[in-house]
N, C-alpha and C. Protein backbone atom coordinates (compact mmCIF):
# COMPACT_ATOMS: atom_id res chain seq x y z
N MET A 1 97.69 85.82 82.33
CA MET A 1 97.59 86.00 83.64
C MET A 1 99.04 86.12 84.55
N LEU A 2 100.02 85.36 84.15
CA LEU A 2 101.21 85.46 84.85
C LEU A 2 101.73 86.75 84.54
N PHE A 3 101.63 87.22 83.23
CA PHE A 3 102.28 88.50 82.77
C PHE A 3 101.59 89.68 83.68
N TRP A 4 100.44 89.56 83.94
CA TRP A 4 99.73 90.72 84.70
C TRP A 4 100.22 90.69 86.26
N LEU A 5 100.33 89.47 86.69
CA LEU A 5 101.00 89.22 88.05
C LEU A 5 102.31 89.80 88.15
N LEU A 6 103.19 89.46 87.19
CA LEU A 6 104.48 90.08 87.29
C LEU A 6 104.55 91.61 87.24
N VAL A 7 103.73 92.23 86.41
CA VAL A 7 103.58 93.64 86.20
C VAL A 7 103.09 94.20 87.47
N ALA A 8 102.14 93.54 88.20
CA ALA A 8 101.63 94.07 89.49
C ALA A 8 102.86 94.09 90.48
N ILE A 9 103.58 93.06 90.58
CA ILE A 9 104.70 92.97 91.54
C ILE A 9 105.71 94.04 91.18
N VAL A 10 106.02 94.25 89.96
CA VAL A 10 107.06 95.15 89.48
C VAL A 10 106.57 96.52 89.98
N LEU A 11 105.29 96.88 89.70
CA LEU A 11 104.73 98.10 90.12
C LEU A 11 104.67 98.43 91.58
N LEU A 12 104.36 97.37 92.39
CA LEU A 12 104.34 97.50 93.84
C LEU A 12 105.69 97.76 94.36
N PHE A 13 106.65 97.06 93.87
CA PHE A 13 107.95 97.23 94.47
C PHE A 13 108.63 98.52 93.84
N GLY A 14 108.31 98.83 92.69
CA GLY A 14 108.79 100.08 91.98
C GLY A 14 108.34 101.33 92.65
N PHE A 15 107.00 101.25 92.94
CA PHE A 15 106.26 102.43 93.58
C PHE A 15 107.06 102.91 94.82
N VAL A 16 107.43 101.85 95.69
CA VAL A 16 108.07 101.98 97.07
C VAL A 16 109.40 102.71 96.75
N VAL A 17 110.16 102.42 95.77
CA VAL A 17 111.43 103.12 95.57
C VAL A 17 111.23 104.68 95.55
N PHE A 18 110.25 105.03 94.96
CA PHE A 18 110.16 106.53 94.83
C PHE A 18 109.67 107.16 96.10
N ARG A 19 109.20 106.45 97.02
CA ARG A 19 108.76 106.97 98.43
C ARG A 19 109.86 106.66 99.52
N GLY A 20 110.87 105.73 99.23
CA GLY A 20 111.79 105.57 100.17
C GLY A 20 112.92 104.56 99.56
N ALA A 21 113.50 103.69 100.55
CA ALA A 21 114.49 102.82 100.01
C ALA A 21 113.91 101.56 99.27
N PRO A 22 114.62 101.08 98.43
CA PRO A 22 114.19 99.73 97.85
C PRO A 22 114.32 98.66 98.92
N TYR A 23 113.61 97.56 98.52
CA TYR A 23 113.59 96.46 99.50
C TYR A 23 115.00 95.71 99.36
N VAL A 24 115.64 95.67 100.40
CA VAL A 24 117.01 94.88 100.28
C VAL A 24 116.87 94.09 101.65
N PRO A 25 116.80 92.61 101.59
CA PRO A 25 116.77 91.93 102.81
C PRO A 25 117.98 92.11 103.76
N SER A 26 117.56 92.18 104.95
CA SER A 26 118.81 92.34 105.90
C SER A 26 119.22 90.92 106.29
N HIS A 27 120.53 90.73 106.56
CA HIS A 27 121.11 89.63 106.91
C HIS A 27 121.23 89.57 108.39
N ARG A 28 120.81 88.32 108.86
CA ARG A 28 120.83 88.10 110.41
C ARG A 28 122.00 88.25 110.94
N SER A 29 123.21 87.95 110.44
CA SER A 29 124.49 88.17 110.96
C SER A 29 124.68 89.75 111.18
N ASP A 30 124.41 90.58 110.23
CA ASP A 30 124.57 91.93 110.33
C ASP A 30 123.69 92.55 111.50
N VAL A 31 122.39 92.11 111.44
CA VAL A 31 121.51 92.67 112.57
C VAL A 31 121.94 92.21 113.98
N THR A 32 122.49 90.87 114.03
CA THR A 32 122.94 90.49 115.28
C THR A 32 123.97 91.26 115.91
N ILE A 33 124.94 91.68 114.98
CA ILE A 33 126.13 92.66 115.37
C ILE A 33 125.60 93.82 115.87
N ALA A 34 124.76 94.48 115.11
CA ALA A 34 124.17 95.71 115.24
C ALA A 34 123.48 95.58 116.67
N PHE A 35 122.65 94.65 116.99
CA PHE A 35 121.76 94.67 118.07
C PHE A 35 122.71 94.10 119.37
N ASP A 36 123.86 93.57 119.19
CA ASP A 36 124.65 93.13 120.28
C ASP A 36 125.89 94.25 120.54
N GLU A 37 126.44 94.70 119.47
CA GLU A 37 127.57 95.52 119.70
C GLU A 37 127.17 97.10 119.62
N LEU A 38 126.39 97.40 118.80
CA LEU A 38 126.18 98.88 118.66
C LEU A 38 125.06 99.39 119.68
N TYR A 39 124.07 98.65 119.81
CA TYR A 39 122.98 99.12 120.72
C TYR A 39 122.36 97.67 121.10
N LYS A 40 122.59 97.30 122.42
CA LYS A 40 122.12 96.27 123.04
C LYS A 40 120.51 96.18 123.23
N VAL A 41 119.89 95.52 122.24
CA VAL A 41 118.33 95.56 122.46
C VAL A 41 117.93 94.57 123.61
N GLY A 42 117.03 95.04 124.25
CA GLY A 42 116.47 94.22 125.32
C GLY A 42 115.10 94.42 125.72
N THR A 43 114.62 93.91 126.81
CA THR A 43 113.13 93.82 127.18
C THR A 43 112.58 95.29 127.48
N ARG A 44 113.33 96.26 127.71
CA ARG A 44 112.77 97.67 128.01
C ARG A 44 112.61 98.41 126.57
N ASP A 45 113.05 97.75 125.52
CA ASP A 45 113.18 98.60 124.23
C ASP A 45 111.83 98.50 123.52
N VAL A 46 111.59 99.56 122.75
CA VAL A 46 110.56 99.69 121.67
C VAL A 46 111.22 100.03 120.40
N VAL A 47 111.46 98.92 119.52
CA VAL A 47 112.20 99.18 118.47
C VAL A 47 111.23 99.49 117.16
N VAL A 48 111.53 100.51 116.49
CA VAL A 48 110.64 101.01 115.20
C VAL A 48 111.61 100.63 114.01
N ASP A 49 111.12 99.88 113.01
CA ASP A 49 111.93 99.56 111.73
C ASP A 49 111.07 100.41 110.76
N VAL A 50 111.88 101.30 110.12
CA VAL A 50 111.44 102.08 109.07
C VAL A 50 111.69 101.44 107.67
N GLY A 51 110.45 101.09 107.12
CA GLY A 51 110.62 100.26 105.85
C GLY A 51 110.96 98.84 106.24
N SER A 52 110.13 98.17 106.98
CA SER A 52 110.25 96.91 107.74
C SER A 52 110.47 95.61 106.83
N GLY A 53 110.11 95.90 105.48
CA GLY A 53 110.24 94.81 104.60
C GLY A 53 109.65 93.44 105.04
N ASP A 54 110.43 92.38 105.08
CA ASP A 54 109.94 91.09 105.42
C ASP A 54 109.90 90.88 107.08
N GLY A 55 110.24 91.84 107.70
CA GLY A 55 110.21 91.86 109.25
C GLY A 55 111.38 91.19 110.09
N ILE A 56 112.47 90.97 109.37
CA ILE A 56 113.48 90.22 110.11
C ILE A 56 113.98 91.06 111.33
N ILE A 57 114.02 92.50 111.11
CA ILE A 57 114.52 93.37 112.11
C ILE A 57 113.61 93.14 113.41
N LEU A 58 112.28 93.14 113.01
CA LEU A 58 111.18 93.11 114.06
C LEU A 58 111.19 91.86 114.86
N ARG A 59 111.38 90.68 114.16
CA ARG A 59 111.45 89.50 114.80
C ARG A 59 112.76 89.35 115.64
N MET A 60 113.96 89.81 115.18
CA MET A 60 115.10 89.66 115.90
C MET A 60 115.11 90.44 117.21
N ALA A 61 114.36 91.75 117.02
CA ALA A 61 114.14 92.53 118.21
C ALA A 61 113.23 91.90 119.21
N ALA A 62 112.25 91.39 118.80
CA ALA A 62 111.22 90.72 119.64
C ALA A 62 111.73 89.45 120.42
N LYS A 63 112.66 88.79 119.67
CA LYS A 63 113.50 87.52 120.24
C LYS A 63 114.25 88.08 121.35
N ARG A 64 114.82 89.36 121.45
CA ARG A 64 115.61 89.78 122.53
C ARG A 64 114.60 90.45 123.59
N GLY A 65 113.37 90.44 123.49
CA GLY A 65 112.31 90.87 124.43
C GLY A 65 111.83 92.25 124.25
N ALA A 66 112.17 92.85 123.10
CA ALA A 66 111.74 94.16 122.77
C ALA A 66 110.39 94.03 122.29
N ARG A 67 109.52 95.23 122.24
CA ARG A 67 108.39 95.42 121.53
C ARG A 67 108.83 96.02 120.18
N ALA A 68 108.34 95.50 119.01
CA ALA A 68 108.89 95.81 117.73
C ALA A 68 107.67 96.23 116.79
N VAL A 69 107.87 97.51 116.19
CA VAL A 69 106.85 98.18 115.42
C VAL A 69 107.48 98.46 114.07
N GLY A 70 106.79 98.01 112.94
CA GLY A 70 107.25 98.18 111.67
C GLY A 70 106.23 99.00 110.80
N TYR A 71 106.97 99.82 110.02
CA TYR A 71 106.30 100.72 109.01
C TYR A 71 106.75 100.24 107.59
N GLU A 72 105.75 99.79 106.76
CA GLU A 72 106.11 99.40 105.41
C GLU A 72 105.11 99.83 104.35
N LEU A 73 105.50 100.19 103.36
CA LEU A 73 104.63 100.86 102.22
C LEU A 73 104.21 99.55 101.27
N ASN A 74 104.87 98.67 101.06
CA ASN A 74 104.56 97.54 100.10
C ASN A 74 103.53 96.53 100.80
N PRO A 75 102.45 96.49 100.28
CA PRO A 75 101.48 95.65 100.88
C PRO A 75 101.78 94.16 100.84
N ALA A 76 102.48 93.73 99.94
CA ALA A 76 103.06 92.23 99.65
C ALA A 76 104.02 92.07 100.93
N LEU A 77 104.95 92.95 101.20
CA LEU A 77 105.89 92.76 102.19
C LEU A 77 105.26 92.96 103.59
N VAL A 78 104.19 93.76 103.69
CA VAL A 78 103.35 93.73 105.02
C VAL A 78 102.81 92.33 105.20
N ALA A 79 102.18 91.81 104.16
CA ALA A 79 101.54 90.36 104.27
C ALA A 79 102.62 89.41 104.73
N ILE A 80 103.77 89.44 104.19
CA ILE A 80 104.78 88.34 104.32
C ILE A 80 105.36 88.56 105.65
N SER A 81 105.47 89.77 106.13
CA SER A 81 106.06 90.13 107.45
C SER A 81 105.05 89.70 108.49
N ARG A 82 103.74 90.07 108.33
CA ARG A 82 102.80 89.59 109.35
C ARG A 82 102.76 88.04 109.31
N PHE A 83 102.64 87.35 108.15
CA PHE A 83 102.82 85.91 108.21
C PHE A 83 103.96 85.40 108.96
N LEU A 84 105.17 85.74 108.74
CA LEU A 84 106.35 85.42 109.25
C LEU A 84 106.39 85.58 110.82
N SER A 85 105.63 86.71 111.28
CA SER A 85 105.63 87.13 112.57
C SER A 85 104.43 86.67 113.40
N ARG A 86 103.51 85.91 112.81
CA ARG A 86 102.27 85.47 113.38
C ARG A 86 102.58 84.74 114.65
N GLY A 87 101.64 85.18 115.58
CA GLY A 87 101.77 84.68 116.85
C GLY A 87 102.64 85.26 117.84
N ASP A 88 103.52 86.28 117.30
CA ASP A 88 104.50 87.00 118.21
C ASP A 88 103.72 88.46 118.59
N LYS A 89 103.22 88.47 119.77
CA LYS A 89 102.45 89.46 120.21
C LYS A 89 103.30 90.76 120.47
N LYS A 90 104.59 90.64 120.42
CA LYS A 90 105.57 91.85 120.56
C LYS A 90 105.76 92.56 119.22
N VAL A 91 105.38 91.92 118.07
CA VAL A 91 105.63 92.44 116.82
C VAL A 91 104.21 93.08 116.16
N SER A 92 104.34 94.26 115.66
CA SER A 92 103.14 94.80 114.85
C SER A 92 103.71 95.41 113.62
N VAL A 93 103.09 95.31 112.58
CA VAL A 93 103.44 95.74 111.17
C VAL A 93 102.32 96.69 110.71
N HIS A 94 102.72 97.81 110.27
CA HIS A 94 101.69 98.82 109.80
C HIS A 94 101.98 99.05 108.37
N LEU A 95 100.97 98.92 107.53
CA LEU A 95 100.95 99.33 106.02
C LEU A 95 100.76 100.91 106.14
N SER A 96 101.96 101.58 106.16
CA SER A 96 101.98 102.96 106.32
C SER A 96 103.20 103.55 105.72
N ASP A 97 103.06 104.87 105.46
CA ASP A 97 104.24 105.61 104.88
C ASP A 97 104.79 106.27 106.09
N PHE A 98 106.03 105.95 106.45
CA PHE A 98 106.74 106.53 107.66
C PHE A 98 106.88 107.92 107.79
N TRP A 99 106.90 108.50 106.46
CA TRP A 99 107.01 109.95 106.51
C TRP A 99 105.72 110.79 107.20
N PHE A 100 104.60 110.09 107.23
CA PHE A 100 103.45 110.55 107.81
C PHE A 100 103.14 110.02 109.17
N ALA A 101 103.79 109.01 109.48
CA ALA A 101 103.45 108.27 110.82
C ALA A 101 104.31 109.10 111.98
N LYS A 102 103.63 108.69 113.16
CA LYS A 102 104.26 109.14 114.41
C LYS A 102 104.83 107.85 115.09
N LEU A 103 105.99 108.05 115.72
CA LEU A 103 106.60 107.08 116.43
C LEU A 103 105.84 106.74 117.70
N PRO A 104 105.80 105.49 118.12
CA PRO A 104 105.20 105.25 119.36
C PRO A 104 105.81 106.06 120.59
N GLU A 105 105.13 106.47 121.57
CA GLU A 105 105.59 107.23 122.65
C GLU A 105 106.82 106.67 123.38
N GLU A 106 106.87 105.30 123.43
CA GLU A 106 107.88 104.66 124.22
C GLU A 106 109.04 104.19 123.39
N THR A 107 109.25 104.87 122.19
CA THR A 107 110.25 104.44 121.20
C THR A 107 111.64 104.64 121.91
N THR A 108 112.52 103.70 121.96
CA THR A 108 113.84 103.73 122.35
C THR A 108 114.87 103.57 121.29
N LEU A 109 114.59 102.74 120.15
CA LEU A 109 115.43 102.59 119.06
C LEU A 109 114.64 102.81 117.69
N VAL A 110 115.27 103.37 116.66
CA VAL A 110 114.65 103.39 115.33
C VAL A 110 115.81 102.62 114.57
N TYR A 111 115.40 101.68 113.72
CA TYR A 111 116.30 101.18 112.66
C TYR A 111 115.90 101.52 111.40
N ALA A 112 116.85 101.97 110.58
CA ALA A 112 116.45 102.31 109.27
C ALA A 112 117.53 102.02 108.22
N PHE A 113 117.12 101.31 107.03
CA PHE A 113 118.05 101.27 105.89
C PHE A 113 117.85 102.38 105.12
N ALA A 114 118.76 103.37 105.01
CA ALA A 114 118.59 104.55 104.42
C ALA A 114 119.46 104.72 103.04
N VAL A 115 118.77 105.45 102.29
CA VAL A 115 119.55 105.69 100.86
C VAL A 115 119.88 107.27 101.12
N GLU A 116 121.05 107.41 100.25
CA GLU A 116 121.70 108.84 100.51
C GLU A 116 120.60 109.95 100.26
N ARG A 117 119.78 109.67 99.07
CA ARG A 117 118.69 110.53 98.58
C ARG A 117 117.85 111.08 99.81
N ASP A 118 117.57 110.13 100.72
CA ASP A 118 116.55 110.52 101.88
C ASP A 118 117.17 110.74 103.19
N ILE A 119 118.47 110.63 103.31
CA ILE A 119 119.09 110.68 104.60
C ILE A 119 118.86 111.99 105.31
N LYS A 120 118.85 113.20 104.72
CA LYS A 120 118.59 114.52 105.33
C LYS A 120 117.15 114.57 105.76
N LYS A 121 116.20 114.01 104.92
CA LYS A 121 114.82 114.07 105.20
C LYS A 121 114.58 113.11 106.52
N LEU A 122 115.27 111.92 106.68
CA LEU A 122 115.08 111.18 107.62
C LEU A 122 115.57 111.68 108.92
N SER A 123 116.74 112.29 108.78
CA SER A 123 117.39 113.00 110.10
C SER A 123 116.32 114.16 110.55
N ASP A 124 115.73 114.91 109.60
CA ASP A 124 114.85 116.00 109.97
C ASP A 124 113.56 115.31 110.54
N LYS A 125 113.03 114.27 110.04
CA LYS A 125 111.91 113.48 110.58
C LYS A 125 112.21 113.06 112.04
N LEU A 126 113.39 112.33 112.24
CA LEU A 126 113.64 111.83 113.47
C LEU A 126 113.86 112.98 114.51
N GLN A 127 114.40 114.14 114.12
CA GLN A 127 114.60 115.08 115.12
C GLN A 127 113.15 115.77 115.47
N ALA A 128 112.40 115.88 114.56
CA ALA A 128 111.00 116.39 114.84
C ALA A 128 110.28 115.25 115.75
N GLU A 129 110.38 114.16 115.57
CA GLU A 129 109.85 113.11 116.40
C GLU A 129 110.47 113.20 117.84
N ALA A 130 111.80 113.32 117.99
CA ALA A 130 112.28 113.57 119.37
C ALA A 130 111.83 114.72 120.15
N ASP A 131 111.64 115.76 119.20
CA ASP A 131 111.06 117.13 119.85
C ASP A 131 109.52 116.71 120.27
N ARG A 132 108.84 116.17 119.46
CA ARG A 132 107.43 115.87 119.73
C ARG A 132 107.07 114.96 120.94
N LEU A 133 108.03 113.91 120.99
CA LEU A 133 107.98 112.83 122.12
C LEU A 133 108.59 113.44 123.40
N GLY A 134 109.67 114.42 123.31
CA GLY A 134 110.17 115.09 124.51
C GLY A 134 111.07 114.24 125.30
N HIS A 135 111.66 113.19 124.49
CA HIS A 135 112.72 112.26 125.12
C HIS A 135 113.78 111.86 124.04
N SER A 136 114.82 111.44 124.37
CA SER A 136 115.82 111.05 123.49
C SER A 136 115.55 109.56 123.04
N PHE A 137 116.02 109.14 121.88
CA PHE A 137 116.09 107.76 121.50
C PHE A 137 117.34 107.59 120.60
N HIS A 138 117.62 106.29 120.38
CA HIS A 138 118.64 105.90 119.40
C HIS A 138 118.19 105.58 118.15
N VAL A 139 119.25 105.72 117.14
CA VAL A 139 118.78 105.36 115.75
C VAL A 139 120.09 104.49 115.19
N ILE A 140 119.81 103.51 114.44
CA ILE A 140 120.73 102.68 113.73
C ILE A 140 120.43 102.90 112.31
N SER A 141 121.35 103.51 111.70
CA SER A 141 121.16 103.71 110.20
C SER A 141 122.04 102.59 109.54
N TYR A 142 121.60 101.98 108.58
CA TYR A 142 122.31 100.94 107.75
C TYR A 142 122.40 101.55 106.33
N GLY A 143 123.61 101.67 105.81
CA GLY A 143 123.76 102.18 104.49
C GLY A 143 124.45 103.54 104.20
N SER A 144 123.62 104.42 104.96
CA SER A 144 124.06 105.78 104.75
C SER A 144 124.27 106.44 106.02
N SER A 145 125.22 107.52 106.02
CA SER A 145 125.40 108.12 107.30
C SER A 145 124.68 109.53 107.33
N MET A 146 124.18 110.00 108.40
CA MET A 146 123.69 111.26 108.60
C MET A 146 125.01 112.34 109.00
N SER A 147 124.62 113.51 108.48
CA SER A 147 125.73 114.60 108.87
C SER A 147 125.34 115.23 110.16
N SER A 148 123.95 115.04 110.54
CA SER A 148 123.64 115.77 111.77
C SER A 148 122.48 114.90 112.35
N PRO A 149 122.50 114.29 113.62
CA PRO A 149 123.71 114.51 114.59
C PRO A 149 124.79 113.59 114.10
N MET A 150 125.99 113.82 114.66
CA MET A 150 127.16 112.96 114.34
C MET A 150 126.95 111.50 114.99
N PRO A 151 127.35 110.42 114.31
CA PRO A 151 127.37 109.17 114.98
C PRO A 151 128.08 109.10 116.23
N THR A 152 127.55 108.39 117.19
CA THR A 152 128.24 108.09 118.46
C THR A 152 129.10 106.79 118.17
N ARG A 153 128.77 106.03 117.29
CA ARG A 153 129.57 104.80 117.04
C ARG A 153 129.24 104.41 115.58
N THR A 154 130.25 103.81 114.96
CA THR A 154 130.16 103.09 113.55
C THR A 154 130.74 101.75 113.61
N LEU A 155 129.94 100.86 113.08
CA LEU A 155 130.35 99.43 112.88
C LEU A 155 130.01 98.86 111.54
N GLY A 156 131.08 98.88 110.72
CA GLY A 156 130.76 98.49 109.27
C GLY A 156 129.91 99.50 108.71
N ALA A 157 128.78 99.05 108.12
CA ALA A 157 127.63 99.91 107.50
C ALA A 157 126.68 100.57 108.32
N HIS A 158 126.76 99.99 109.63
CA HIS A 158 125.80 100.53 110.54
C HIS A 158 126.33 101.83 111.36
N HIS A 159 125.48 102.74 111.55
CA HIS A 159 125.93 103.85 112.22
C HIS A 159 124.98 104.21 113.35
N LEU A 160 125.42 104.35 114.64
CA LEU A 160 124.41 104.76 115.84
C LEU A 160 124.45 106.07 116.15
N TYR A 161 123.23 106.70 116.30
CA TYR A 161 122.90 108.03 116.63
C TYR A 161 122.18 108.22 117.89
N VAL A 162 122.12 109.30 118.47
CA VAL A 162 121.20 109.56 119.50
C VAL A 162 120.61 110.95 119.15
N PHE A 163 119.10 111.01 119.08
CA PHE A 163 118.52 112.20 118.77
C PHE A 163 117.81 112.61 120.10
N HIS A 164 118.22 113.86 120.45
CA HIS A 164 117.71 114.43 121.71
C HIS A 164 116.63 115.49 121.32
N PRO A 165 115.72 115.83 122.17
CA PRO A 165 114.80 116.98 121.96
C PRO A 165 115.56 118.15 121.97
N LEU A 166 115.22 119.10 121.08
CA LEU A 166 115.79 120.52 121.09
C LEU A 166 115.25 121.08 122.09
N GLN A 167 116.16 122.00 122.84
CA GLN A 167 115.67 122.95 123.89
C GLN A 167 114.79 124.04 123.30
N GLY A 168 113.68 124.29 124.01
CA GLY A 168 112.84 125.26 123.72
C GLY A 168 111.63 124.90 122.91
N LYS A 169 111.75 123.59 122.60
CA LYS A 169 110.58 123.06 121.64
C LYS A 169 109.73 122.40 122.63
N LYS A 170 108.38 122.38 122.44
CA LYS A 170 107.47 121.71 123.18
C LYS A 170 107.30 120.33 122.57
N ALA A 171 106.99 119.39 123.58
CA ALA A 171 106.89 117.92 123.19
C ALA A 171 105.47 117.61 122.77
């Protein structure tokens, strides 16, 4: 029985690696620096975490007054995140593949732990979302940097970007 439980866990976490980044827990100290020095998260923000894992980004954004929305493929991590965020009405976690999801209309900041393999795809997806929404939003990428747009600021492994809707596109 224990063997099959371990196999199920390995398959769950392994499957996600093929669709996105592997689960790597974020450190509170790194997120604090990103939310205080790169982009000051506050009560007017709607923060989206791509691959929200255990929900630490969501809880830290909500603690600063933001509404926080997470997208996660791994059902075990969704359950953990929902449990750890229980009672916080500013946090919502969706069992969803971000590549097929739409950002909330009010999105102001997207946080993503990105691997090099998916960075171009992520940039294209975020640009399409800026075009669809018809307004700009900020993106913090942790781990990998995008070639387009250029970062407005970099702090350690965090890179801050602004995605603007392209002219001539309909929202």
